[in-house]
Amino acid sequence: MKPLQGIAWLLALQTAGELIGRAFGLPFPGPVIGLLLLLVALRHRHVQTSVGAAADFLLAHLSLLFVPVGVGVMTHLGLLAAYGGRVAAVIILSTWVGLWVTAWTLKRLLRVPPETP
């Protein structure tokens, strides 16, 4: 029952994020706003336990989430043969760019002295 409550919390907070984003015309996607709401909601023990149970449940069945992707790859093997090299190059390049931006940002943030109260 707890995993179901946790999934309900996740869906409710994502829906609230979507509604807030659309109502106020915010430049952030609804799921990002929902994650911020989840961050606030995780201060409550009830939300922590139910979302934790949902996370454990989803992690235990994570391999099932790869089945649709595998079927899609098998269905479009011709496209993969034609464009597989380009797709691999884009994935590798974008991963390196993401790692570089993250490292650069961390380096910049670590140089800033912390504020003292």
C-alpha atoms as a PDB file:
ATOM      1  CA  MET A   1       0.000   0.000   0.000  1.00  0.00           C
ATOM      2  CA  LYS A   2       2.884   2.376   0.749  1.00  0.00           C
ATOM      3  CA  PRO A   3       4.354   2.199  -2.775  1.00  0.00           C
ATOM      4  CA  LEU A   4       0.979   3.109  -4.231  1.00  0.00           C
ATOM      5  CA  GLN A   5       0.725   6.094  -1.889  1.00  0.00           C
ATOM      6  CA  GLY A   6       4.228   7.159  -2.910  1.00  0.00           C
ATOM      7  CA  ILE A   7       3.381   6.984  -6.600  1.00  0.00           C
ATOM      8  CA  ALA A   8       0.230   8.973  -5.865  1.00  0.00           C
ATOM      9  CA  TRP A   9       2.363  11.628  -4.139  1.00  0.00           C
ATOM     10  CA  LEU A  10       4.739  11.787  -7.105  1.00  0.00           C
ATOM     11  CA  LEU A  11       1.915  12.095  -9.618  1.00  0.00           C
ATOM     12  CA  ALA A  12       0.057  14.667  -7.515  1.00  0.00           C
ATOM     13  CA  LEU A  13       3.143  16.841  -7.121  1.00  0.00           C
ATOM     14  CA  GLN A  14       3.958  16.597 -10.823  1.00  0.00           C
ATOM     15  CA  THR A  15       0.387  17.574 -11.665  1.00  0.00           C
ATOM     16  CA  ALA A  16       0.593  20.489  -9.236  1.00  0.00           C
ATOM     17  CA  GLY A  17       3.843  21.560 -10.874  1.00  0.00           C
ATOM     18  CA  GLU A  18       2.214  21.435 -14.317  1.00  0.00           C
ATOM     19  CA  LEU A  19      -0.741  23.480 -13.093  1.00  0.00           C
ATOM     20  CA  ILE A  20       1.485  26.072 -11.415  1.00  0.00           C
ATOM     21  CA  GLY A  21       3.730  26.334 -14.458  1.00  0.00           C
ATOM     22  CA  ARG A  22       0.826  26.837 -16.836  1.00  0.00           C
ATOM     23  CA  ALA A  23      -1.172  29.134 -14.538  1.00  0.00           C
ATOM     24  CA  PHE A  24       1.704  31.547 -13.991  1.00  0.00           C
ATOM     25  CA  GLY A  25       3.390  31.102 -17.381  1.00  0.00           C
ATOM     26  CA  LEU A  26       6.683  30.105 -15.785  1.00  0.00           C
ATOM     27  CA  PRO A  27       9.633  29.291 -18.050  1.00  0.00           C
ATOM     28  CA  PHE A  28      10.260  26.014 -16.191  1.00  0.00           C
ATOM     29  CA  PRO A  29       8.699  22.688 -17.147  1.00  0.00           C
ATOM     30  CA  GLY A  30       5.983  21.382 -14.852  1.00  0.00           C
ATOM     31  CA  PRO A  31       7.964  18.300 -13.742  1.00  0.00           C
ATOM     32  CA  VAL A  32      10.812  20.555 -12.537  1.00  0.00           C
ATOM     33  CA  ILE A  33       8.368  22.581 -10.471  1.00  0.00           C
ATOM     34  CA  GLY A  34       6.897  19.296  -9.221  1.00  0.00           C
ATOM     35  CA  LEU A  35      10.377  18.170  -8.130  1.00  0.00           C
ATOM     36  CA  LEU A  36      10.820  21.403  -6.194  1.00  0.00           C
ATOM     37  CA  LEU A  37       7.471  20.776  -4.526  1.00  0.00           C
ATOM     38  CA  LEU A  38       8.621  17.225  -3.760  1.00  0.00           C
ATOM     39  CA  LEU A  39      11.771  18.613  -2.166  1.00  0.00           C
ATOM     40  CA  VAL A  40       9.615  20.658   0.190  1.00  0.00           C
ATOM     41  CA  ALA A  41       7.155  17.802   0.789  1.00  0.00           C
ATOM     42  CA  LEU A  42       9.948  15.376   1.723  1.00  0.00           C
ATOM     43  CA  ARG A  43      10.317  17.209   5.035  1.00  0.00           C
ATOM     44  CA  HIS A  44       7.251  15.306   6.253  1.00  0.00           C
ATOM     45  CA  ARG A  45       7.807  11.774   7.535  1.00  0.00           C
ATOM     46  CA  HIS A  46       4.658  10.394   5.873  1.00  0.00           C
ATOM     47  CA  VAL A  47       5.777  11.598   2.444  1.00  0.00           C
ATOM     48  CA  GLN A  48       9.315  10.302   3.031  1.00  0.00           C
ATOM     49  CA  THR A  49       8.191   6.783   3.877  1.00  0.00           C
ATOM     50  CA  SER A  50       5.643   6.454   1.082  1.00  0.00           C
ATOM     51  CA  VAL A  51       7.898   7.946  -1.623  1.00  0.00           C
ATOM     52  CA  GLY A  52      10.780   5.801  -0.344  1.00  0.00           C
ATOM     53  CA  ALA A  53       8.611   2.694  -0.662  1.00  0.00           C
ATOM     54  CA  ALA A  54       7.648   3.719  -4.198  1.00  0.00           C
ATOM     55  CA  ALA A  55      11.314   4.253  -5.080  1.00  0.00           C
ATOM     56  CA  ASP A  56      12.230   0.820  -3.721  1.00  0.00           C
ATOM     57  CA  PHE A  57       9.412  -0.752  -5.715  1.00  0.00           C
ATOM     58  CA  LEU A  58      10.405   0.991  -8.941  1.00  0.00           C
ATOM     59  CA  LEU A  59      14.077   0.120  -8.479  1.00  0.00           C
ATOM     60  CA  ALA A  60      13.196  -3.530  -7.888  1.00  0.00           C
ATOM     61  CA  HIS A  61      11.352  -3.613 -11.225  1.00  0.00           C
ATOM     62  CA  LEU A  62      13.648  -1.280 -13.164  1.00  0.00           C
ATOM     63  CA  SER A  63      14.528  -3.899 -15.761  1.00  0.00           C
ATOM     64  CA  LEU A  64      10.909  -3.954 -16.951  1.00  0.00           C
ATOM     65  CA  LEU A  65      11.228  -0.330 -18.021  1.00  0.00           C
ATOM     66  CA  PHE A  66      13.858  -1.321 -20.586  1.00  0.00           C
ATOM     67  CA  VAL A  67      11.572  -3.772 -22.422  1.00  0.00           C
ATOM     68  CA  PRO A  68       9.799  -1.111 -24.552  1.00  0.00           C
ATOM     69  CA  VAL A  69      13.153   0.391 -25.525  1.00  0.00           C
ATOM     70  CA  GLY A  70      14.498  -3.009 -26.533  1.00  0.00           C
ATOM     71  CA  VAL A  71      11.409  -3.714 -28.607  1.00  0.00           C
ATOM     72  CA  GLY A  72      11.723  -0.323 -30.286  1.00  0.00           C
ATOM     73  CA  VAL A  73      15.362  -0.975 -31.172  1.00  0.00           C
ATOM     74  CA  MET A  74      14.518  -4.382 -32.603  1.00  0.00           C
ATOM     75  CA  THR A  75      11.658  -2.885 -34.618  1.00  0.00           C
ATOM     76  CA  HIS A  76      13.873  -0.217 -36.181  1.00  0.00           C
ATOM     77  CA  LEU A  77      17.104  -2.131 -36.785  1.00  0.00           C
ATOM     78  CA  GLY A  78      17.278  -0.684 -40.311  1.00  0.00           C
ATOM     79  CA  LEU A  79      17.385   2.854 -38.957  1.00  0.00           C
ATOM     80  CA  LEU A  80      19.963   1.836 -36.394  1.00  0.00           C
ATOM     81  CA  ALA A  81      22.138   0.324 -39.137  1.00  0.00           C
ATOM     82  CA  ALA A  82      21.836   3.493 -41.231  1.00  0.00           C
ATOM     83  CA  TYR A  83      22.270   6.075 -38.484  1.00  0.00           C
ATOM     84  CA  GLY A  84      23.816   4.109 -35.614  1.00  0.00           C
ATOM     85  CA  GLY A  85      27.265   5.673 -35.973  1.00  0.00           C
ATOM     86  CA  ARG A  86      25.845   9.191 -35.957  1.00  0.00           C
ATOM     87  CA  VAL A  87      23.643   8.434 -32.974  1.00  0.00           C
ATOM     88  CA  ALA A  88      26.597   6.979 -31.058  1.00  0.00           C
ATOM     89  CA  ALA A  89      28.730  10.021 -31.898  1.00  0.00           C
ATOM     90  CA  VAL A  90      26.018  12.408 -30.707  1.00  0.00           C
ATOM     91  CA  ILE A  91      25.524  10.453 -27.478  1.00  0.00           C
ATOM     92  CA  ILE A  92      29.254  10.388 -26.744  1.00  0.00           C
ATOM     93  CA  LEU A  93      29.742  14.066 -27.609  1.00  0.00           C
ATOM     94  CA  SER A  94      26.740  15.239 -25.600  1.00  0.00           C
ATOM     95  CA  THR A  95      27.870  13.173 -22.613  1.00  0.00           C
ATOM     96  CA  TRP A  96      31.314  14.758 -22.692  1.00  0.00           C
ATOM     97  CA  VAL A  97      29.844  18.248 -23.076  1.00  0.00           C
ATOM     98  CA  GLY A  98      27.519  17.618 -20.121  1.00  0.00           C
ATOM     99  CA  LEU A  99      30.401  16.363 -17.989  1.00  0.00           C
ATOM    100  CA  TRP A 100      32.537  19.347 -18.954  1.00  0.00           C
ATOM    101  CA  VAL A 101      29.783  21.870 -18.145  1.00  0.00           C
ATOM    102  CA  THR A 102      29.149  20.168 -14.800  1.00  0.00           C
ATOM    103  CA  ALA A 103      32.852  20.173 -13.893  1.00  0.00           C
ATOM    104  CA  TRP A 104      33.234  23.803 -14.995  1.00  0.00           C
ATOM    105  CA  THR A 105      30.215  24.856 -12.938  1.00  0.00           C
ATOM    106  CA  LEU A 106      31.466  22.984  -9.885  1.00  0.00           C
ATOM    107  CA  LYS A 107      34.900  24.581 -10.249  1.00  0.00           C
ATOM    108  CA  ARG A 108      33.310  28.044 -10.413  1.00  0.00           C
ATOM    109  CA  LEU A 109      31.060  27.362  -7.428  1.00  0.00           C
ATOM    110  CA  LEU A 110      33.916  26.076  -5.299  1.00  0.00           C
ATOM    111  CA  ARG A 111      35.874  29.286  -5.879  1.00  0.00           C
ATOM    112  CA  VAL A 112      33.116  31.429  -4.398  1.00  0.00           C
ATOM    113  CA  PRO A 113      33.700  31.866  -0.666  1.00  0.00           C
ATOM    114  CA  PRO A 114      30.742  30.755   1.445  1.00  0.00           C
ATOM    115  CA  GLU A 115      28.613  33.457   2.981  1.00  0.00           C
ATOM    116  CA  THR A 116      28.933  33.918   6.720  1.00  0.00           C
ATOM    117  CA  PRO A 117      25.827  34.752   8.720  1.00  0.00           C
END
